[in-house]
Amino acid sequence: MYSSWKRARVLVAVGLVLTATAALGIACSDDDDGGSSPTAAATKAATTPASNATKPAATGTGTASADLGETPGWAGGQTGTVFYTKPFFCNTTPCEAGTAGMNPAGVTDPVPSVWVLVPLFTDTQGLTFHCNTAGKCPTHPADLDVSRIGLGQVIPLPPHSHIIDPSEAGFSAAGETPWKVVVVGIKTRAAWDQLETGKSIETLRKVQAEGEASTTPDVPTNLILFFGVR
C-alpha cells in the first residue's frame, strides 16, 4: 500500500458533533469561507462556552519523530495506514472550524489537505469509521470551537474517516508530513457508501456535486496534523 501511494505522488482528522443535522446544512450554505462542516447520530453535543479573550497558540508539534498511533485512511481508491508522528498544531486554543490558520514554525507551503468525513445520518449500522470514538483519535484535539459556523461553542471531535489526494501539491507519504484539516459532512448513507467504495478525492468531489442534500461543502479549519502513510 505504501509503495502504490508513493508512486501516485491519509488521516484525520476532525469533524463536528452536531446539535442537529439540519443546523449544519444551514451553516454550510451561509458560510462565506467556502466550507462547512460536521457523529454518527445527530445527537446534541455537550458544549462549553468559548472564551471571548484572545486565544493563545495551541502548540504541541513536538521535536522528535515517533509513532504515536495509527488509523486507516483512503487515497487513490485504496485503503492505507496513517501513522501519526507528532501532536497536532493550531494557532488558537481550542482549534477552530470555519477559518484557516497559519503554519507552525518551520512549515512552508504547499501543505496538502486531509479531508475529514463526518457522518450526519443516523443509519450507521455496520459502518466502521477510521476514528470510531468521539473525542479520541491519535494526535487529534479532543474538541473543536465551532462558533464561526453557527453550531454552538466548543464540541467534542466526532467519529470520522479520512481521504487524502496523492496528486495534491505537497503530498508526501513520509512521516512528519504536515496536513491541513478540511471537514466535510456526509448527509446520507448512500453518499457514504459511494465514498467507501471509491476511496478517493475524485469520488468526494463527485458526491459533493450532487448538492447539499448529500454533503456539505469543504469547511476549513486551523488544525494541522502530522503523519505519514503506508
Protein backbone atom coordinates (compact mmCIF):
# COMPACT_ATOMS: atom_id res chain seq x y z
CA MET A 1 0.00 0.00 0.00
CA TYR A 2 2.82 2.39 0.89
CA SER A 3 4.55 1.98 -2.47
CA SER A 4 1.39 2.43 -4.51
CA TRP A 5 0.52 5.66 -2.72
CA LYS A 6 4.06 6.91 -3.09
CA ARG A 7 4.11 6.22 -6.79
CA ALA A 8 0.89 8.11 -7.24
CA ARG A 9 2.73 11.04 -5.68
CA VAL A 10 -4.30 9.52 4.95
CA LEU A 11 -5.55 10.80 8.47
CA VAL A 12 -7.94 12.85 10.44
CA ALA A 13 -8.96 14.04 11.36
CA VAL A 14 -11.52 16.12 12.54
CA GLY A 15 -15.28 16.71 12.23
CA LEU A 16 -18.09 18.10 14.30
CA VAL A 17 -20.65 16.63 16.74
CA LEU A 18 -23.80 18.44 15.68
CA THR A 19 -26.70 19.72 17.63
CA ALA A 20 -28.72 18.60 14.60
CA THR A 21 -28.02 17.60 11.02
CA ALA A 22 -30.14 20.45 9.68
CA ALA A 23 -28.15 23.02 11.60
CA LEU A 24 -25.00 22.05 9.73
CA GLY A 25 -26.67 22.30 6.36
CA ILE A 26 -27.79 25.85 7.14
CA ALA A 27 -24.38 26.86 8.42
CA CYS A 28 -22.68 25.46 5.33
CA SER A 29 -24.87 27.28 2.88
CA ASP A 30 -24.27 30.58 4.70
CA ASP A 31 -20.50 30.22 5.19
CA ASP A 32 -18.56 32.76 3.18
CA ASP A 33 -15.31 30.90 3.73
CA GLY A 34 -16.28 28.29 1.14
CA GLY A 35 -16.92 25.44 3.51
CA SER A 36 -18.92 23.96 6.31
CA SER A 37 -18.98 21.01 8.40
CA PRO A 38 -19.98 18.13 10.71
CA THR A 39 -21.16 11.96 14.51
CA ALA A 40 -22.77 9.15 13.53
CA ALA A 41 -26.11 10.03 15.13
CA ALA A 42 -27.17 13.65 15.11
CA THR A 43 -27.31 13.89 18.88
CA LYS A 44 -26.93 17.11 20.78
CA ALA A 45 -23.36 17.78 21.87
CA ALA A 46 -22.38 18.85 25.34
CA THR A 47 -20.89 22.29 24.84
CA THR A 48 -18.77 24.66 26.85
CA PRO A 49 -18.61 28.41 26.30
CA ALA A 50 -15.82 29.70 24.10
CA SER A 51 -13.71 32.46 25.58
CA ASN A 52 -14.05 35.94 24.11
CA ALA A 53 -10.48 36.65 25.15
CA THR A 54 -7.55 36.38 22.78
CA LYS A 55 -6.72 32.71 22.30
CA PRO A 56 -3.11 31.59 22.72
CA ALA A 57 -1.44 29.35 20.20
CA ALA A 58 -2.03 25.64 20.75
CA THR A 59 1.42 24.38 20.04
CA GLY A 60 2.44 20.78 20.66
CA THR A 61 4.17 19.77 17.46
CA GLY A 62 6.99 18.16 19.42
CA THR A 63 10.64 17.95 18.46
CA ALA A 64 11.28 14.31 17.59
CA SER A 65 9.53 11.87 15.28
CA ALA A 66 7.71 8.96 16.93
CA ASP A 67 4.94 6.53 16.07
CA LEU A 68 2.09 7.95 18.14
CA GLY A 69 -0.71 5.76 16.79
CA GLU A 70 -2.34 4.60 13.58
CA THR A 71 -5.68 4.80 11.78
CA PRO A 72 -6.87 3.66 8.34
CA GLY A 73 -7.21 6.20 5.55
CA TRP A 74 -8.40 6.38 1.94
CA ALA A 75 -6.47 7.63 -1.09
CA GLY A 76 -6.45 6.87 -4.79
CA GLY A 77 -9.09 4.13 -4.50
CA GLN A 78 -7.20 2.25 -1.79
CA THR A 79 -7.20 1.86 1.99
CA GLY A 80 -3.85 2.52 3.64
CA THR A 81 -2.44 3.08 7.11
CA VAL A 82 -1.95 6.55 8.54
CA PHE A 83 0.80 6.68 11.18
CA TYR A 84 0.96 9.80 13.32
CA THR A 85 4.36 11.19 14.25
CA LYS A 86 3.74 14.50 16.09
CA PRO A 87 0.99 16.13 18.15
CA PHE A 88 -1.42 18.41 16.31
CA PHE A 89 -0.87 22.15 15.82
CA CYS A 90 -3.40 25.00 15.91
CA ASN A 91 -2.66 28.70 16.19
CA THR A 92 -5.56 29.11 18.68
CA THR A 93 -6.81 27.28 21.75
CA PRO A 94 -9.09 25.49 21.16
CA CYS A 95 -8.74 24.68 17.46
CA GLU A 96 -11.38 26.28 15.24
CA ALA A 97 -13.60 25.22 12.35
CA GLY A 98 -14.67 27.73 9.74
CA THR A 99 -11.37 29.53 9.36
CA ALA A 100 -7.96 28.62 8.01
CA GLY A 101 -4.96 29.01 10.29
CA MET A 102 -1.25 29.63 9.96
CA ASN A 103 1.53 27.13 9.53
CA PRO A 104 3.67 26.17 12.52
CA ALA A 105 7.27 27.36 12.61
CA GLY A 106 9.40 25.64 10.00
CA VAL A 107 6.47 24.54 7.81
CA THR A 108 6.19 26.17 4.38
CA ASP A 109 3.56 25.90 1.67
CA PRO A 110 2.37 23.93 -0.15
CA VAL A 111 0.75 21.98 2.70
CA PRO A 112 -1.53 19.18 1.47
CA SER A 113 -5.04 18.58 2.85
CA VAL A 114 -6.67 15.71 4.68
CA TRP A 115 -10.43 15.68 4.26
CA VAL A 116 -12.20 14.57 7.44
CA LEU A 117 -15.54 12.95 6.59
CA VAL A 118 -18.18 13.17 9.32
CA PRO A 119 -21.43 11.15 9.07
CA LEU A 120 -24.53 13.30 9.59
CA PHE A 121 -27.01 10.46 9.08
CA THR A 122 -28.37 8.04 11.67
CA ASP A 123 -28.27 4.79 9.67
CA THR A 124 -24.71 3.84 10.62
CA GLN A 125 -25.27 0.16 11.41
CA GLY A 126 -22.39 -1.92 10.09
CA LEU A 127 -20.10 1.05 9.40
CA THR A 128 -16.63 1.33 10.90
CA PHE A 129 -15.07 4.79 10.87
CA HIS A 130 -11.35 5.45 10.76
CA CYS A 131 -11.69 7.22 14.13
CA ASN A 132 -14.60 5.50 15.91
CA THR A 133 -14.76 7.14 19.33
CA ALA A 134 -15.87 10.75 19.86
CA GLY A 135 -13.10 12.90 21.30
CA LYS A 136 -10.43 10.23 20.90
CA CYS A 137 -8.15 9.74 17.92
CA PRO A 138 -4.34 9.65 17.79
CA THR A 139 -2.76 13.13 17.95
CA HIS A 140 -6.10 14.87 17.27
CA PRO A 141 -7.59 17.55 19.52
CA ALA A 142 -10.36 16.27 21.81
CA ASP A 143 -12.71 19.12 20.85
CA LEU A 144 -13.23 21.97 18.42
CA ASP A 145 -14.56 25.54 18.50
CA VAL A 146 -17.47 25.67 16.03
CA SER A 147 -18.78 29.14 16.87
CA ARG A 148 -17.69 30.53 13.49
CA ILE A 149 -20.08 28.19 11.64
CA GLY A 150 -23.02 28.66 14.00
CA LEU A 151 -23.03 25.26 15.68
CA GLY A 152 -22.63 26.32 19.27
CA GLN A 153 -19.34 26.85 21.02
CA VAL A 154 -16.86 24.05 21.77
CA ILE A 155 -17.87 20.47 20.95
CA PRO A 156 -16.16 17.06 21.09
CA LEU A 157 -14.44 15.73 18.00
CA PRO A 158 -16.86 13.17 16.47
CA PRO A 159 -16.22 9.80 14.80
CA HIS A 160 -15.00 10.26 11.22
CA SER A 161 -12.99 8.89 8.30
CA HIS A 162 -10.27 10.43 6.11
CA ILE A 163 -9.36 10.98 2.46
CA ILE A 164 -6.13 12.39 1.03
CA ASP A 165 -5.19 13.21 -2.55
CA PRO A 166 -1.89 11.72 -3.83
CA SER A 167 -1.80 14.23 -6.70
CA GLU A 168 -2.04 17.31 -4.48
CA ALA A 169 0.92 19.66 -4.25
CA GLY A 170 2.92 18.94 -1.13
CA PHE A 171 1.74 15.34 -0.87
CA SER A 172 4.25 13.01 0.78
CA ALA A 173 3.97 9.52 2.23
CA ALA A 174 6.79 10.27 4.66
CA GLY A 175 6.29 10.65 8.40
CA GLU A 176 6.04 14.17 9.88
CA THR A 177 4.35 15.49 6.73
CA PRO A 178 2.07 18.36 7.80
CA TRP A 179 -1.58 18.18 6.66
CA LYS A 180 -4.21 20.90 6.93
CA VAL A 181 -7.59 19.51 8.03
CA VAL A 182 -10.70 20.18 5.94
CA VAL A 183 -14.06 18.91 7.23
CA VAL A 184 -16.92 17.61 5.07
CA GLY A 185 -20.26 16.48 6.50
CA ILE A 186 -21.80 13.46 4.74
CA LYS A 187 -25.59 13.63 4.95
CA THR A 188 -26.82 10.27 3.62
CA ARG A 189 -25.88 6.62 3.88
CA ALA A 190 -25.95 6.40 0.08
CA ALA A 191 -23.35 9.18 -0.19
CA TRP A 192 -21.17 7.47 2.42
CA ASP A 193 -21.43 4.16 0.57
CA GLN A 194 -20.16 5.86 -2.59
CA LEU A 195 -17.17 7.25 -0.69
CA GLU A 196 -16.40 3.93 0.95
CA THR A 197 -16.42 2.28 -2.48
CA GLY A 198 -14.46 4.98 -4.33
CA LYS A 199 -11.95 5.86 -1.58
CA SER A 200 -10.67 8.91 -3.45
CA ILE A 201 -10.87 12.69 -3.64
CA GLU A 202 -12.43 12.29 -7.08
CA THR A 203 -15.30 10.35 -5.51
CA LEU A 204 -15.72 13.02 -2.84
CA ARG A 205 -15.95 15.75 -5.46
CA LYS A 206 -18.50 13.70 -7.42
CA VAL A 207 -20.68 13.25 -4.33
CA GLN A 208 -20.36 16.94 -3.42
CA ALA A 209 -21.51 17.81 -6.94
CA GLU A 210 -24.82 16.09 -6.15
CA GLY A 211 -25.59 19.05 -3.90
CA GLU A 212 -26.11 19.82 -0.23
CA ALA A 213 -28.68 17.06 0.13
CA SER A 214 -25.71 14.69 0.00
CA THR A 215 -22.80 16.58 1.59
CA THR A 216 -21.65 19.90 2.92
CA PRO A 217 -19.05 21.97 1.10
CA ASP A 218 -15.46 21.91 2.35
CA VAL A 219 -15.10 23.52 5.79
CA PRO A 220 -11.64 24.92 6.53
CA THR A 221 -10.07 24.57 9.97
CA ASN A 222 -6.90 25.89 11.57
CA LEU A 223 -5.85 22.36 12.57
CA ILE A 224 -2.69 20.78 11.21
CA LEU A 225 -1.85 17.10 11.72
CA PHE A 226 1.49 15.38 11.21
CA PHE A 227 1.51 11.88 9.72
CA GLY A 228 2.84 9.57 7.04
CA VAL A 229 1.05 6.88 5.03
CA ARG A 230 1.83 3.32 4.10
